[in-house]
Amino acid sequence: MLRGQHDTAADVEKRYDLREMERKLCAVGMQPEHISHANIFLFPIAAAKRLAERIIPPQSGSDLTLGRGRSTAC
């Protein structure tokens, strides 16, 4: 539901739930100190943004594409 143009631009293939992330970390020998749903408070905002993007598509593909065309020193 939250997949959007930003996910495509950033090559996000999957979102993990808490238990799955903990299993994956443990499988590679990492022991998380703390896991929480801290970002759950952002869900209503993210969901509203994604729904709005379906009605009014954003001008750029992602916030990763902001600033294209500007020259940089690097």
N, C-alpha and C. Protein backbone atom coordinates (compact mmCIF):
# COMPACT_ATOMS: atom_id res chain seq x y z
N MET A 1 0.81 -1.20 0.00
CA MET A 1 0.00 0.00 0.00
C MET A 1 0.86 1.27 0.00
N LEU A 2 2.01 1.21 0.67
CA LEU A 2 2.84 2.40 0.76
C LEU A 2 3.84 2.53 -0.37
N ARG A 3 3.86 1.59 -1.28
CA ARG A 3 4.82 1.65 -2.37
C ARG A 3 4.49 2.83 -3.28
N GLY A 4 5.52 3.59 -3.62
CA GLY A 4 5.33 4.76 -4.47
C GLY A 4 6.50 4.96 -5.41
N GLN A 5 6.53 6.11 -6.06
CA GLN A 5 7.60 6.41 -7.01
C GLN A 5 8.96 6.47 -6.33
N HIS A 6 9.00 6.88 -5.10
CA HIS A 6 10.27 6.93 -4.37
C HIS A 6 10.84 5.52 -4.22
N ASP A 7 9.98 4.54 -3.93
CA ASP A 7 10.44 3.16 -3.79
C ASP A 7 11.05 2.65 -5.09
N THR A 8 10.44 3.02 -6.21
CA THR A 8 10.96 2.63 -7.51
C THR A 8 12.32 3.27 -7.75
N ALA A 9 12.44 4.57 -7.47
CA ALA A 9 13.70 5.29 -7.68
C ALA A 9 14.81 4.76 -6.78
N ALA A 10 14.46 4.33 -5.58
CA ALA A 10 15.46 3.84 -4.62
C ALA A 10 15.63 2.32 -4.67
N ASP A 11 14.98 1.65 -5.63
CA ASP A 11 15.05 0.19 -5.77
C ASP A 11 14.63 -0.56 -4.51
N VAL A 12 13.59 -0.05 -3.84
CA VAL A 12 13.05 -0.74 -2.67
C VAL A 12 12.22 -1.90 -3.17
N GLU A 13 12.63 -3.11 -2.81
CA GLU A 13 11.90 -4.29 -3.28
C GLU A 13 10.93 -4.83 -2.24
N LYS A 14 11.24 -4.64 -0.96
CA LYS A 14 10.44 -5.25 0.08
C LYS A 14 10.49 -4.41 1.35
N ARG A 15 9.40 -4.43 2.07
CA ARG A 15 9.35 -3.83 3.40
C ARG A 15 9.23 -4.98 4.39
N TYR A 16 9.90 -4.86 5.50
CA TYR A 16 9.93 -5.94 6.49
C TYR A 16 9.12 -5.59 7.72
N ASP A 17 8.46 -6.59 8.29
CA ASP A 17 7.82 -6.36 9.57
C ASP A 17 8.86 -6.64 10.67
N LEU A 18 8.49 -6.32 11.90
CA LEU A 18 9.44 -6.45 13.01
C LEU A 18 10.01 -7.85 13.16
N ARG A 19 9.16 -8.83 13.19
CA ARG A 19 9.60 -10.21 13.42
C ARG A 19 10.52 -10.69 12.29
N GLU A 20 10.16 -10.37 11.07
CA GLU A 20 10.97 -10.80 9.94
C GLU A 20 12.35 -10.13 9.97
N MET A 21 12.39 -8.86 10.30
CA MET A 21 13.67 -8.16 10.39
C MET A 21 14.53 -8.75 11.50
N GLU A 22 13.91 -9.04 12.64
CA GLU A 22 14.65 -9.63 13.75
C GLU A 22 15.21 -11.00 13.35
N ARG A 23 14.42 -11.82 12.67
CA ARG A 23 14.90 -13.14 12.22
C ARG A 23 16.07 -13.00 11.26
N LYS A 24 15.99 -12.06 10.33
CA LYS A 24 17.06 -11.86 9.36
C LYS A 24 18.34 -11.38 10.03
N LEU A 25 18.21 -10.48 10.98
CA LEU A 25 19.39 -10.00 11.70
C LEU A 25 20.04 -11.12 12.49
N CYS A 26 19.24 -11.91 13.18
CA CYS A 26 19.77 -13.03 13.96
C CYS A 26 20.40 -14.08 13.06
N ALA A 27 19.84 -14.29 11.88
CA ALA A 27 20.37 -15.29 10.95
C ALA A 27 21.79 -14.96 10.49
N VAL A 28 22.15 -13.69 10.48
CA VAL A 28 23.51 -13.30 10.07
C VAL A 28 24.39 -12.98 11.27
N GLY A 29 23.94 -13.38 12.47
CA GLY A 29 24.76 -13.23 13.66
C GLY A 29 24.68 -11.89 14.36
N MET A 30 23.71 -11.09 14.03
CA MET A 30 23.55 -9.79 14.69
C MET A 30 22.46 -9.91 15.74
N GLN A 31 22.66 -9.27 16.87
CA GLN A 31 21.67 -9.29 17.94
C GLN A 31 21.16 -7.87 18.16
N PRO A 32 19.95 -7.58 17.68
CA PRO A 32 19.42 -6.22 17.87
C PRO A 32 19.26 -5.90 19.35
N GLU A 33 19.63 -4.68 19.71
CA GLU A 33 19.47 -4.23 21.09
C GLU A 33 18.04 -3.80 21.38
N HIS A 34 17.40 -3.23 20.37
CA HIS A 34 16.03 -2.73 20.56
C HIS A 34 15.33 -2.70 19.21
N ILE A 35 14.14 -3.24 19.16
CA ILE A 35 13.33 -3.21 17.94
C ILE A 35 11.96 -2.67 18.35
N SER A 36 11.45 -1.72 17.58
CA SER A 36 10.15 -1.17 17.92
C SER A 36 9.41 -0.74 16.66
N HIS A 37 8.18 -0.37 16.86
CA HIS A 37 7.34 0.18 15.79
C HIS A 37 7.32 1.70 15.92
N ALA A 38 8.47 2.31 16.20
CA ALA A 38 8.52 3.75 16.46
C ALA A 38 7.94 4.56 15.30
N ASN A 39 8.13 4.12 14.07
CA ASN A 39 7.63 4.88 12.93
C ASN A 39 6.15 4.66 12.66
N ILE A 40 5.48 3.87 13.47
CA ILE A 40 4.06 3.61 13.25
C ILE A 40 3.26 4.91 13.34
N PHE A 41 3.77 5.88 14.08
CA PHE A 41 3.08 7.17 14.20
C PHE A 41 3.10 7.93 12.87
N LEU A 42 4.04 7.59 11.99
CA LEU A 42 4.13 8.24 10.69
C LEU A 42 3.23 7.58 9.65
N PHE A 43 2.69 6.41 9.96
CA PHE A 43 1.89 5.67 8.99
C PHE A 43 0.73 6.48 8.42
N PRO A 44 -0.09 7.16 9.24
CA PRO A 44 -1.21 7.92 8.65
C PRO A 44 -0.74 8.98 7.66
N ILE A 45 0.38 9.63 7.96
CA ILE A 45 0.91 10.65 7.06
C ILE A 45 1.41 10.01 5.77
N ALA A 46 2.16 8.91 5.89
CA ALA A 46 2.68 8.22 4.71
C ALA A 46 1.54 7.68 3.85
N ALA A 47 0.53 7.10 4.49
CA ALA A 47 -0.60 6.56 3.74
C ALA A 47 -1.35 7.68 3.01
N ALA A 48 -1.56 8.81 3.68
CA ALA A 48 -2.24 9.94 3.04
C ALA A 48 -1.44 10.46 1.85
N LYS A 49 -0.12 10.53 2.00
CA LYS A 49 0.74 11.00 0.91
C LYS A 49 0.65 10.06 -0.29
N ARG A 50 0.73 8.76 -0.04
CA ARG A 50 0.66 7.78 -1.14
C ARG A 50 -0.70 7.84 -1.83
N LEU A 51 -1.78 7.97 -1.07
CA LEU A 51 -3.11 8.09 -1.68
C LEU A 51 -3.22 9.36 -2.51
N ALA A 52 -2.67 10.46 -2.00
CA ALA A 52 -2.69 11.72 -2.74
C ALA A 52 -1.90 11.61 -4.03
N GLU A 53 -0.78 10.87 -4.01
CA GLU A 53 0.03 10.69 -5.21
C GLU A 53 -0.72 9.93 -6.30
N ARG A 54 -1.65 9.09 -5.91
CA ARG A 54 -2.46 8.37 -6.90
C ARG A 54 -3.46 9.30 -7.58
N ILE A 55 -3.89 10.34 -6.86
CA ILE A 55 -4.84 11.30 -7.42
C ILE A 55 -4.10 12.39 -8.18
N ILE A 56 -3.06 12.94 -7.56
CA ILE A 56 -2.25 14.00 -8.17
C ILE A 56 -0.80 13.52 -8.18
N PRO A 57 -0.33 12.94 -9.29
CA PRO A 57 1.04 12.43 -9.34
C PRO A 57 2.06 13.55 -9.10
N PRO A 58 3.15 13.24 -8.38
CA PRO A 58 4.17 14.25 -8.13
C PRO A 58 4.88 14.66 -9.43
N GLN A 59 5.43 15.86 -9.44
CA GLN A 59 6.12 16.37 -10.62
C GLN A 59 7.40 15.59 -10.91
N SER A 60 8.15 15.22 -9.87
CA SER A 60 9.37 14.45 -10.06
C SER A 60 9.10 13.02 -9.64
N GLY A 61 9.96 12.10 -10.06
CA GLY A 61 9.77 10.69 -9.74
C GLY A 61 9.96 10.39 -8.27
N SER A 62 10.77 11.18 -7.58
CA SER A 62 11.10 10.91 -6.20
C SER A 62 11.82 12.11 -5.62
N ASP A 63 11.89 12.19 -4.29
CA ASP A 63 12.70 13.25 -3.72
C ASP A 63 14.18 12.99 -3.98
N LEU A 64 14.51 11.78 -4.41
CA LEU A 64 15.89 11.48 -4.80
C LEU A 64 16.27 12.18 -6.10
N THR A 65 15.27 12.59 -6.87
CA THR A 65 15.54 13.23 -8.16
C THR A 65 15.56 14.75 -8.06
N LEU A 66 15.31 15.31 -6.89
CA LEU A 66 15.34 16.76 -6.75
C LEU A 66 16.73 17.29 -7.07
N GLY A 67 16.80 18.40 -7.75
CA GLY A 67 18.08 19.02 -8.04
C GLY A 67 18.73 18.52 -9.32
N ARG A 68 18.08 17.65 -10.05
CA ARG A 68 18.65 17.20 -11.32
C ARG A 68 18.88 18.39 -12.22
N GLY A 69 19.95 18.34 -12.95
CA GLY A 69 20.25 19.40 -13.88
C GLY A 69 21.14 20.48 -13.29
N ARG A 70 21.26 20.50 -11.97
CA ARG A 70 22.16 21.46 -11.37
C ARG A 70 23.58 20.93 -11.42
N SER A 71 24.52 21.78 -11.71
CA SER A 71 25.91 21.33 -11.74
C SER A 71 26.43 21.28 -10.32
N THR A 72 27.32 20.34 -10.08
CA THR A 72 27.94 20.21 -8.75
C THR A 72 29.44 20.18 -8.92
N ALA A 73 30.12 20.42 -7.84
CA ALA A 73 31.59 20.43 -7.87
C ALA A 73 32.15 19.02 -7.92
N CYS A 74 31.36 18.04 -7.59
CA CYS A 74 31.88 16.66 -7.52
C CYS A 74 31.80 15.95 -8.85
